C-alpha cells in the first residue's frame, strides 16, 4: 500500500470539515453528541483556525493508494509546559484501521515536528489509548510518560522525538 501525508491548503479545507463529521460520529460512543435536524453534527470548534491563525496549526490528510484514509490536526504549543506540539485530533477511516496507516501517519508527523509532544484521549476511549500506547511506544522505544487530567481524568502521553533513531 502506498501511503501519503499532505498539508491541507486553505482552498481544500472543506475536505477536513467533511471528514470531521465521521470523526464526530465515532465520538458518539464516548460523548453526548447529536446531529441537528439536517442530520449534521455541530461544527468542530476552531477548525478554521487551522488555515487562519498563522504558522502554529497544521491540518494534514493521509492517503492510502491515492484514497483519503484520515486526517490529523497538530498544534505548535507556544511557551507551554506541556511541550512543543500537541496532536489535537487524529482520525483514520474504518476501512484503513488495523493495517498500519495510523501508525505510519503518526510516526511521519513525529518525524516532521521534532520536539516534545503531548497526545491525549478521552478517558472512555480505551481503543484510542491502546493505539497511542503502541504507536508512541514503538516510536520512542517505550520512553514516554502518561499523566491524567485532574478534572476530566483524560490520559495524555508525553514524549520527545528528539534524539530518536527511527527507521520509518
N, C-alpha and C. Protein backbone atom coordinates (compact mmCIF):
# COMPACT_ATOMS: atom_id res chain seq x y z
N UNK A 1 0.85 -1.17 0.00
CA UNK A 1 0.00 0.00 0.00
C UNK A 1 0.89 1.24 0.00
N UNK A 2 0.62 2.16 -0.90
CA UNK A 2 1.39 3.41 -0.97
C UNK A 2 0.70 4.44 -0.08
N UNK A 3 1.46 4.97 0.89
CA UNK A 3 0.91 5.92 1.86
C UNK A 3 1.43 7.32 1.60
N UNK A 4 0.58 8.31 1.88
CA UNK A 4 0.97 9.69 1.69
C UNK A 4 0.46 10.58 2.82
N UNK A 5 1.12 11.70 2.99
CA UNK A 5 0.76 12.67 4.02
C UNK A 5 0.92 14.06 3.41
N UNK A 6 -0.15 14.87 3.42
CA UNK A 6 -0.11 16.18 2.79
C UNK A 6 -0.71 17.23 3.69
N UNK A 7 -0.07 18.39 3.74
CA UNK A 7 -0.63 19.55 4.41
C UNK A 7 -1.83 20.01 3.58
N UNK A 8 -2.95 20.27 4.24
CA UNK A 8 -4.17 20.65 3.54
C UNK A 8 -4.17 22.16 3.30
N UNK A 9 -4.17 22.59 2.03
CA UNK A 9 -4.21 24.03 1.76
C UNK A 9 -5.60 24.60 2.06
N UNK A 10 -5.64 25.90 2.25
CA UNK A 10 -6.89 26.58 2.63
C UNK A 10 -8.02 26.29 1.64
N UNK A 11 -7.71 26.24 0.34
CA UNK A 11 -8.78 26.02 -0.64
C UNK A 11 -9.34 24.60 -0.62
N UNK A 12 -8.74 23.70 0.18
CA UNK A 12 -9.25 22.34 0.31
C UNK A 12 -9.70 22.02 1.74
N UNK A 13 -9.87 23.05 2.57
CA UNK A 13 -10.24 22.83 3.97
C UNK A 13 -11.59 22.13 4.13
N UNK A 14 -12.47 22.25 3.12
CA UNK A 14 -13.78 21.58 3.22
C UNK A 14 -13.62 20.06 3.35
N UNK A 15 -12.54 19.52 2.84
CA UNK A 15 -12.30 18.08 2.98
C UNK A 15 -12.20 17.70 4.45
N UNK A 16 -11.46 18.49 5.22
CA UNK A 16 -11.35 18.22 6.65
C UNK A 16 -12.70 18.47 7.33
N UNK A 17 -13.40 19.51 6.95
CA UNK A 17 -14.73 19.77 7.52
C UNK A 17 -15.66 18.57 7.30
N UNK A 18 -15.63 17.99 6.11
CA UNK A 18 -16.49 16.82 5.82
C UNK A 18 -16.04 15.59 6.61
N UNK A 19 -14.74 15.35 6.64
CA UNK A 19 -14.24 14.19 7.39
C UNK A 19 -14.53 14.32 8.88
N UNK A 20 -14.59 15.55 9.37
CA UNK A 20 -14.87 15.77 10.78
C UNK A 20 -16.23 15.19 11.17
N UNK A 21 -17.16 15.11 10.24
CA UNK A 21 -18.46 14.50 10.54
C UNK A 21 -18.30 13.02 10.91
N UNK A 22 -17.44 12.31 10.22
CA UNK A 22 -17.18 10.90 10.54
C UNK A 22 -16.46 10.77 11.87
N UNK A 23 -15.53 11.69 12.10
CA UNK A 23 -14.78 11.72 13.35
C UNK A 23 -15.74 11.92 14.53
N UNK A 24 -16.62 12.90 14.41
CA UNK A 24 -17.58 13.17 15.47
C UNK A 24 -18.54 12.00 15.65
N UNK A 25 -18.92 11.36 14.56
CA UNK A 25 -19.77 10.17 14.65
C UNK A 25 -19.10 9.11 15.52
N UNK A 26 -17.81 8.88 15.31
CA UNK A 26 -17.08 7.91 16.13
C UNK A 26 -17.14 8.27 17.61
N UNK A 27 -17.16 9.56 17.92
CA UNK A 27 -17.16 10.00 19.31
C UNK A 27 -18.52 9.88 19.99
N UNK A 28 -19.56 9.56 19.23
CA UNK A 28 -20.87 9.38 19.88
C UNK A 28 -20.85 8.20 20.85
N UNK A 29 -19.87 7.34 20.74
CA UNK A 29 -19.72 6.23 21.70
C UNK A 29 -19.23 6.72 23.06
N UNK A 30 -18.60 7.90 23.09
CA UNK A 30 -17.95 8.38 24.30
C UNK A 30 -18.48 9.71 24.82
N UNK A 31 -19.11 10.49 23.95
CA UNK A 31 -19.59 11.82 24.32
C UNK A 31 -21.06 11.97 23.93
N UNK A 32 -21.72 12.88 24.58
CA UNK A 32 -23.12 13.19 24.25
C UNK A 32 -23.15 14.13 23.04
N UNK A 33 -23.09 13.56 21.86
CA UNK A 33 -23.16 14.33 20.62
C UNK A 33 -24.40 13.90 19.85
N UNK A 34 -25.11 14.87 19.30
CA UNK A 34 -26.28 14.59 18.48
C UNK A 34 -26.20 15.39 17.19
N UNK A 35 -26.85 14.88 16.17
CA UNK A 35 -26.94 15.62 14.91
C UNK A 35 -28.10 16.61 15.00
N UNK A 36 -28.03 17.64 14.15
CA UNK A 36 -29.11 18.62 14.12
C UNK A 36 -30.25 18.10 13.23
N UNK A 37 -31.24 18.92 12.99
CA UNK A 37 -32.41 18.50 12.20
C UNK A 37 -32.06 18.21 10.75
N UNK A 38 -30.89 18.66 10.29
CA UNK A 38 -30.42 18.35 8.94
C UNK A 38 -29.54 17.11 8.91
N UNK A 39 -29.34 16.48 10.05
CA UNK A 39 -28.53 15.27 10.11
C UNK A 39 -27.04 15.52 10.18
N UNK A 40 -26.63 16.72 10.58
CA UNK A 40 -25.22 17.06 10.69
C UNK A 40 -24.82 17.27 12.14
N UNK A 41 -23.60 16.87 12.44
CA UNK A 41 -23.04 17.19 13.74
C UNK A 41 -22.66 18.66 13.76
N UNK A 42 -22.57 19.25 14.95
CA UNK A 42 -22.15 20.65 15.01
C UNK A 42 -20.74 20.81 14.46
N UNK A 43 -20.43 22.02 14.01
CA UNK A 43 -19.09 22.30 13.51
C UNK A 43 -18.07 22.10 14.63
N UNK A 44 -16.92 21.59 14.25
CA UNK A 44 -15.83 21.42 15.21
C UNK A 44 -15.33 22.80 15.59
N UNK A 45 -15.30 23.12 16.90
CA UNK A 45 -14.90 24.47 17.32
C UNK A 45 -13.46 24.80 16.91
N UNK A 46 -13.31 25.95 16.28
CA UNK A 46 -11.97 26.43 15.93
C UNK A 46 -11.32 25.77 14.73
N UNK A 47 -12.05 24.96 13.98
CA UNK A 47 -11.42 24.25 12.87
C UNK A 47 -10.83 25.21 11.83
N UNK A 48 -11.52 26.30 11.54
CA UNK A 48 -10.99 27.23 10.54
C UNK A 48 -9.69 27.89 10.97
N UNK A 49 -9.40 27.88 12.26
CA UNK A 49 -8.13 28.47 12.72
C UNK A 49 -6.92 27.73 12.16
N UNK A 50 -7.11 26.50 11.67
CA UNK A 50 -6.00 25.75 11.08
C UNK A 50 -5.56 26.37 9.76
N UNK A 51 -6.36 27.26 9.21
CA UNK A 51 -5.99 27.95 7.97
C UNK A 51 -5.90 29.46 8.15
N UNK A 52 -6.30 29.97 9.32
CA UNK A 52 -6.38 31.42 9.50
C UNK A 52 -5.49 31.96 10.61
N UNK A 53 -4.76 31.13 11.32
CA UNK A 53 -4.07 31.64 12.51
C UNK A 53 -2.55 31.68 12.41
N UNK A 54 -2.04 31.73 11.23
CA UNK A 54 -0.58 31.82 11.11
C UNK A 54 0.07 30.46 11.01
N UNK A 55 1.22 30.30 11.67
CA UNK A 55 2.02 29.09 11.50
C UNK A 55 2.05 28.19 12.71
N UNK A 56 1.00 28.17 13.50
CA UNK A 56 1.01 27.35 14.71
C UNK A 56 0.02 26.19 14.68
N UNK A 57 -0.72 26.06 13.59
CA UNK A 57 -1.70 24.98 13.48
C UNK A 57 -1.57 24.35 12.10
N UNK A 58 -1.62 23.02 12.08
CA UNK A 58 -1.37 22.29 10.85
C UNK A 58 -2.44 21.20 10.66
N UNK A 59 -3.06 21.19 9.50
CA UNK A 59 -4.04 20.16 9.15
C UNK A 59 -3.45 19.28 8.05
N UNK A 60 -3.41 17.99 8.30
CA UNK A 60 -2.85 17.04 7.34
C UNK A 60 -3.88 16.00 6.95
N UNK A 61 -3.85 15.61 5.69
CA UNK A 61 -4.60 14.46 5.20
C UNK A 61 -3.61 13.34 4.98
N UNK A 62 -4.04 12.11 5.30
CA UNK A 62 -3.21 10.99 4.88
C UNK A 62 -4.00 10.13 3.92
N UNK A 63 -3.25 9.53 3.00
CA UNK A 63 -3.85 8.73 1.94
C UNK A 63 -3.25 7.34 1.90
N UNK A 64 -4.03 6.43 1.33
CA UNK A 64 -3.58 5.05 1.10
C UNK A 64 -3.94 4.73 -0.35
N UNK A 65 -2.95 4.43 -1.13
CA UNK A 65 -3.14 4.16 -2.56
C UNK A 65 -3.96 5.25 -3.24
N UNK A 66 -3.67 6.49 -2.87
CA UNK A 66 -4.33 7.62 -3.51
C UNK A 66 -5.70 7.98 -2.95
N UNK A 67 -6.21 7.21 -2.01
CA UNK A 67 -7.52 7.48 -1.42
C UNK A 67 -7.35 8.09 -0.03
N UNK A 68 -8.23 9.02 0.29
CA UNK A 68 -8.17 9.63 1.62
C UNK A 68 -8.37 8.54 2.67
N UNK A 69 -7.47 8.51 3.66
CA UNK A 69 -7.53 7.49 4.71
C UNK A 69 -7.74 8.12 6.09
N UNK A 70 -7.53 9.42 6.23
CA UNK A 70 -7.71 10.05 7.53
C UNK A 70 -7.10 11.44 7.57
N UNK A 71 -7.08 12.00 8.78
CA UNK A 71 -6.51 13.33 8.94
C UNK A 71 -5.92 13.48 10.34
N UNK A 72 -5.10 14.50 10.47
CA UNK A 72 -4.54 14.87 11.77
C UNK A 72 -4.51 16.38 11.87
N UNK A 73 -4.77 16.87 13.08
CA UNK A 73 -4.62 18.29 13.40
C UNK A 73 -3.52 18.39 14.44
N UNK A 74 -2.49 19.16 14.14
CA UNK A 74 -1.34 19.31 15.02
C UNK A 74 -1.21 20.78 15.39
N UNK A 75 -1.05 21.05 16.68
CA UNK A 75 -0.82 22.42 17.16
C UNK A 75 0.61 22.56 17.64
N UNK A 76 1.24 23.66 17.26
CA UNK A 76 2.52 24.04 17.85
C UNK A 76 2.18 24.82 19.11
N UNK A 77 2.67 24.34 20.24
CA UNK A 77 2.40 24.99 21.52
C UNK A 77 3.45 26.05 21.76
N UNK A 78 3.03 27.22 22.10
CA UNK A 78 3.95 28.31 22.35
C UNK A 78 4.10 28.54 23.84
N UNK A 79 5.33 28.50 24.31
CA UNK A 79 5.62 28.75 25.73
C UNK A 79 4.73 27.93 26.66
N UNK A 80 4.61 26.65 26.37
CA UNK A 80 3.76 25.78 27.17
C UNK A 80 4.60 24.76 27.93
N UNK A 81 4.29 24.54 29.20
CA UNK A 81 4.99 23.49 29.93
C UNK A 81 4.56 22.09 29.47
N UNK A 82 3.51 22.02 28.63
CA UNK A 82 3.01 20.74 28.14
C UNK A 82 3.88 20.17 27.02
N UNK A 83 4.68 21.00 26.38
CA UNK A 83 5.52 20.52 25.29
C UNK A 83 5.53 21.49 24.14
N UNK A 84 6.06 21.03 23.01
CA UNK A 84 6.17 21.84 21.80
C UNK A 84 5.01 21.61 20.83
N UNK A 85 4.49 20.37 20.81
CA UNK A 85 3.46 20.00 19.84
C UNK A 85 2.38 19.19 20.53
N UNK A 86 1.17 19.37 20.01
CA UNK A 86 0.01 18.66 20.54
C UNK A 86 -0.74 18.02 19.39
N UNK A 87 -0.96 16.71 19.47
CA UNK A 87 -1.77 16.01 18.48
C UNK A 87 -3.22 16.29 18.86
N UNK A 88 -3.76 17.36 18.30
CA UNK A 88 -5.08 17.84 18.70
C UNK A 88 -6.17 16.86 18.32
N UNK A 89 -6.15 16.38 17.09
CA UNK A 89 -7.11 15.37 16.63
C UNK A 89 -6.39 14.45 15.66
N UNK A 90 -6.84 13.20 15.64
CA UNK A 90 -6.23 12.21 14.76
C UNK A 90 -7.32 11.21 14.40
N UNK A 91 -7.53 10.99 13.11
CA UNK A 91 -8.65 10.15 12.67
C UNK A 91 -8.24 9.29 11.49
N UNK A 92 -8.56 8.00 11.58
CA UNK A 92 -8.35 7.06 10.48
C UNK A 92 -9.71 6.47 10.13
N UNK A 93 -10.07 6.52 8.85
CA UNK A 93 -11.32 5.92 8.41
C UNK A 93 -11.32 4.42 8.73
N UNK A 94 -12.49 3.89 9.07
CA UNK A 94 -12.61 2.49 9.47
C UNK A 94 -11.91 1.53 8.51
N UNK A 95 -12.08 1.74 7.22
CA UNK A 95 -11.50 0.85 6.20
C UNK A 95 -9.98 0.72 6.34
N UNK A 96 -9.33 1.75 6.88
CA UNK A 96 -7.87 1.76 6.94
C UNK A 96 -7.31 1.52 8.34
N UNK A 97 -8.17 1.17 9.26
CA UNK A 97 -7.69 0.88 10.61
C UNK A 97 -7.13 -0.53 10.67
N UNK A 98 -6.16 -0.70 11.55
CA UNK A 98 -5.53 -2.00 11.80
C UNK A 98 -4.74 -2.55 10.60
N UNK A 99 -4.26 -1.63 9.77
CA UNK A 99 -3.39 -2.07 8.66
C UNK A 99 -2.13 -1.22 8.56
N UNK A 100 -1.86 -0.42 9.60
CA UNK A 100 -0.62 0.33 9.66
C UNK A 100 -0.69 1.77 9.20
N UNK A 101 -1.82 2.21 8.65
CA UNK A 101 -1.94 3.57 8.15
C UNK A 101 -1.77 4.59 9.28
N UNK A 102 -2.48 4.39 10.38
CA UNK A 102 -2.41 5.33 11.50
C UNK A 102 -1.03 5.40 12.11
N UNK A 103 -0.41 4.25 12.30
CA UNK A 103 0.94 4.22 12.86
C UNK A 103 1.91 4.95 11.94
N UNK A 104 1.83 4.66 10.65
CA UNK A 104 2.71 5.31 9.69
C UNK A 104 2.52 6.82 9.73
N UNK A 105 1.26 7.29 9.70
CA UNK A 105 0.98 8.72 9.67
C UNK A 105 1.48 9.40 10.95
N UNK A 106 1.21 8.79 12.10
CA UNK A 106 1.67 9.38 13.37
C UNK A 106 3.19 9.46 13.40
N UNK A 107 3.87 8.40 13.01
CA UNK A 107 5.34 8.41 13.01
C UNK A 107 5.89 9.47 12.05
N UNK A 108 5.24 9.64 10.88
CA UNK A 108 5.69 10.67 9.94
C UNK A 108 5.55 12.05 10.56
N UNK A 109 4.42 12.30 11.24
CA UNK A 109 4.21 13.59 11.88
C UNK A 109 5.24 13.83 12.98
N UNK A 110 5.52 12.79 13.77
CA UNK A 110 6.54 12.94 14.81
C UNK A 110 7.89 13.28 14.20
N UNK A 111 8.21 12.66 13.05
CA UNK A 111 9.47 12.96 12.35
C UNK A 111 9.50 14.40 11.85
N UNK A 112 8.36 14.88 11.38
CA UNK A 112 8.28 16.21 10.78
C UNK A 112 8.37 17.34 11.80
N UNK A 113 7.99 17.05 13.04
CA UNK A 113 7.96 18.07 14.09
C UNK A 113 8.78 17.60 15.29
N UNK A 114 10.10 17.69 15.20
CA UNK A 114 10.93 17.25 16.31
C UNK A 114 10.74 18.14 17.54
N UNK A 115 10.61 17.49 18.68
CA UNK A 115 10.44 18.22 19.93
C UNK A 115 9.66 17.41 20.95
N UNK A 116 9.12 18.10 21.92
CA UNK A 116 8.35 17.45 22.98
C UNK A 116 6.87 17.46 22.59
N UNK A 117 6.24 16.29 22.70
CA UNK A 117 4.87 16.09 22.25
C UNK A 117 3.94 15.75 23.39
N UNK A 118 2.67 16.08 23.16
CA UNK A 118 1.56 15.66 24.03
C UNK A 118 0.48 15.09 23.13
N UNK A 119 -0.03 13.92 23.52
CA UNK A 119 -1.15 13.28 22.82
C UNK A 119 -2.17 12.90 23.90
N UNK A 120 -3.43 13.25 23.70
CA UNK A 120 -4.46 12.99 24.71
C UNK A 120 -5.62 12.18 24.14
N UNK A 121 -6.33 11.52 25.02
CA UNK A 121 -7.53 10.79 24.64
C UNK A 121 -8.64 11.07 25.66
N UNK A 122 -9.86 10.81 25.24
CA UNK A 122 -10.99 10.83 26.17
C UNK A 122 -10.88 9.58 27.03
N UNK A 123 -11.07 9.72 28.31
CA UNK A 123 -10.90 8.63 29.27
C UNK A 123 -11.62 7.35 28.83
N UNK A 124 -12.84 7.44 28.35
CA UNK A 124 -13.62 6.25 27.99
C UNK A 124 -13.17 5.59 26.69
N UNK A 125 -12.33 6.25 25.92
CA UNK A 125 -11.92 5.72 24.62
C UNK A 125 -10.69 4.81 24.78
N UNK A 126 -10.93 3.63 25.33
CA UNK A 126 -9.84 2.67 25.56
C UNK A 126 -9.13 2.24 24.27
N UNK A 127 -9.84 2.04 23.14
CA UNK A 127 -9.11 1.69 21.92
C UNK A 127 -8.11 2.76 21.49
N UNK A 128 -8.46 4.03 21.64
CA UNK A 128 -7.53 5.10 21.27
C UNK A 128 -6.32 5.09 22.19
N UNK A 129 -6.56 4.90 23.45
CA UNK A 129 -5.44 4.88 24.40
C UNK A 129 -4.49 3.73 24.08
N UNK A 130 -5.05 2.56 23.78
CA UNK A 130 -4.21 1.41 23.41
C UNK A 130 -3.43 1.69 22.12
N UNK A 131 -4.09 2.31 21.15
CA UNK A 131 -3.42 2.67 19.90
C UNK A 131 -2.23 3.58 20.17
N UNK A 132 -2.45 4.65 20.94
CA UNK A 132 -1.37 5.59 21.19
C UNK A 132 -0.26 4.98 22.03
N UNK A 133 -0.57 4.11 22.95
CA UNK A 133 0.49 3.41 23.70
C UNK A 133 1.37 2.62 22.74
N UNK A 134 0.74 1.90 21.79
CA UNK A 134 1.51 1.12 20.81
C UNK A 134 2.34 2.04 19.91
N UNK A 135 1.70 3.07 19.36
CA UNK A 135 2.35 3.96 18.40
C UNK A 135 3.50 4.72 19.03
N UNK A 136 3.24 5.35 20.17
CA UNK A 136 4.28 6.12 20.84
C UNK A 136 5.35 5.20 21.40
N UNK A 137 4.92 4.08 21.94
CA UNK A 137 5.87 3.11 22.48
C UNK A 137 6.84 2.59 21.43
N UNK A 138 6.31 2.28 20.24
CA UNK A 138 7.20 1.78 19.18
C UNK A 138 8.10 2.89 18.66
N UNK A 139 7.60 4.11 18.63
CA UNK A 139 8.41 5.23 18.14
C UNK A 139 9.54 5.59 19.11
N UNK A 140 9.24 5.55 20.39
CA UNK A 140 10.20 6.03 21.40
C UNK A 140 10.94 4.90 22.11
N UNK A 141 10.66 3.66 21.75
CA UNK A 141 11.25 2.55 22.50
C UNK A 141 10.70 2.48 23.92
N UNK A 142 9.45 2.90 24.08
CA UNK A 142 8.80 2.86 25.38
C UNK A 142 9.09 4.05 26.28
N UNK A 143 9.79 5.04 25.75
CA UNK A 143 10.17 6.21 26.55
C UNK A 143 9.11 7.30 26.49
N UNK A 144 8.04 7.11 27.24
CA UNK A 144 7.03 8.16 27.35
C UNK A 144 6.43 8.10 28.74
N UNK A 145 5.83 9.21 29.14
CA UNK A 145 5.15 9.32 30.43
C UNK A 145 3.67 9.51 30.17
N UNK A 146 2.87 8.99 31.08
CA UNK A 146 1.43 9.21 30.97
C UNK A 146 0.94 9.90 32.24
N UNK A 147 0.14 10.94 32.02
CA UNK A 147 -0.48 11.65 33.14
C UNK A 147 -1.97 11.79 32.86
N UNK A 148 -2.74 11.94 33.92
CA UNK A 148 -4.18 12.07 33.80
C UNK A 148 -4.61 13.48 34.21
N UNK A 149 -5.47 14.09 33.42
CA UNK A 149 -6.01 15.41 33.72
C UNK A 149 -6.78 15.33 35.04
N UNK A 150 -6.50 16.25 35.94
CA UNK A 150 -7.09 16.19 37.28
C UNK A 150 -8.60 16.42 37.27
N UNK A 151 -9.13 17.14 36.28
CA UNK A 151 -10.57 17.41 36.25
C UNK A 151 -11.35 16.33 35.50
N UNK A 152 -11.01 16.07 34.24
CA UNK A 152 -11.76 15.09 33.45
C UNK A 152 -11.22 13.66 33.59
N UNK A 153 -10.00 13.52 34.05
CA UNK A 153 -9.40 12.20 34.16
C UNK A 153 -8.90 11.65 32.83
N UNK A 154 -8.81 12.50 31.81
CA UNK A 154 -8.36 12.04 30.50
C UNK A 154 -6.85 11.80 30.50
N UNK A 155 -6.41 10.69 29.90
CA UNK A 155 -4.98 10.41 29.84
C UNK A 155 -4.28 11.20 28.74
N UNK A 156 -3.05 11.58 29.00
CA UNK A 156 -2.17 12.19 27.99
C UNK A 156 -0.81 11.53 28.08
N UNK A 157 -0.22 11.30 26.92
CA UNK A 157 1.13 10.77 26.85
C UNK A 157 2.07 11.91 26.47
N UNK A 158 3.22 11.94 27.12
CA UNK A 158 4.24 12.97 26.90
C UNK A 158 5.52 12.27 26.50
N UNK A 159 6.17 12.80 25.45
CA UNK A 159 7.41 12.18 24.97
C UNK A 159 8.16 13.17 24.11
N UNK A 160 9.40 12.84 23.83
CA UNK A 160 10.23 13.67 22.97
C UNK A 160 10.61 12.88 21.71
N UNK A 161 10.59 13.59 20.59
CA UNK A 161 11.03 12.97 19.34
C UNK A 161 12.48 13.33 19.03
N UNK A 162 13.09 14.11 19.89
CA UNK A 162 14.49 14.47 19.70
C UNK A 162 15.37 13.26 20.04
N UNK A 163 16.45 13.13 19.32
CA UNK A 163 17.42 12.05 19.56
C UNK A 163 16.82 10.66 19.42
N UNK A 164 15.84 10.52 18.54
CA UNK A 164 15.26 9.21 18.27
C UNK A 164 15.87 8.70 16.97
N UNK A 165 16.43 7.54 17.02
CA UNK A 165 16.95 6.91 15.80
C UNK A 165 15.86 6.00 15.27
N UNK A 166 15.09 6.53 14.34
CA UNK A 166 13.92 5.83 13.86
C UNK A 166 14.12 5.38 12.42
N UNK A 167 13.60 4.23 12.09
CA UNK A 167 13.65 3.71 10.73
C UNK A 167 12.20 3.59 10.27
N UNK A 168 11.62 4.71 9.89
CA UNK A 168 10.21 4.73 9.41
C UNK A 168 10.15 5.00 7.94
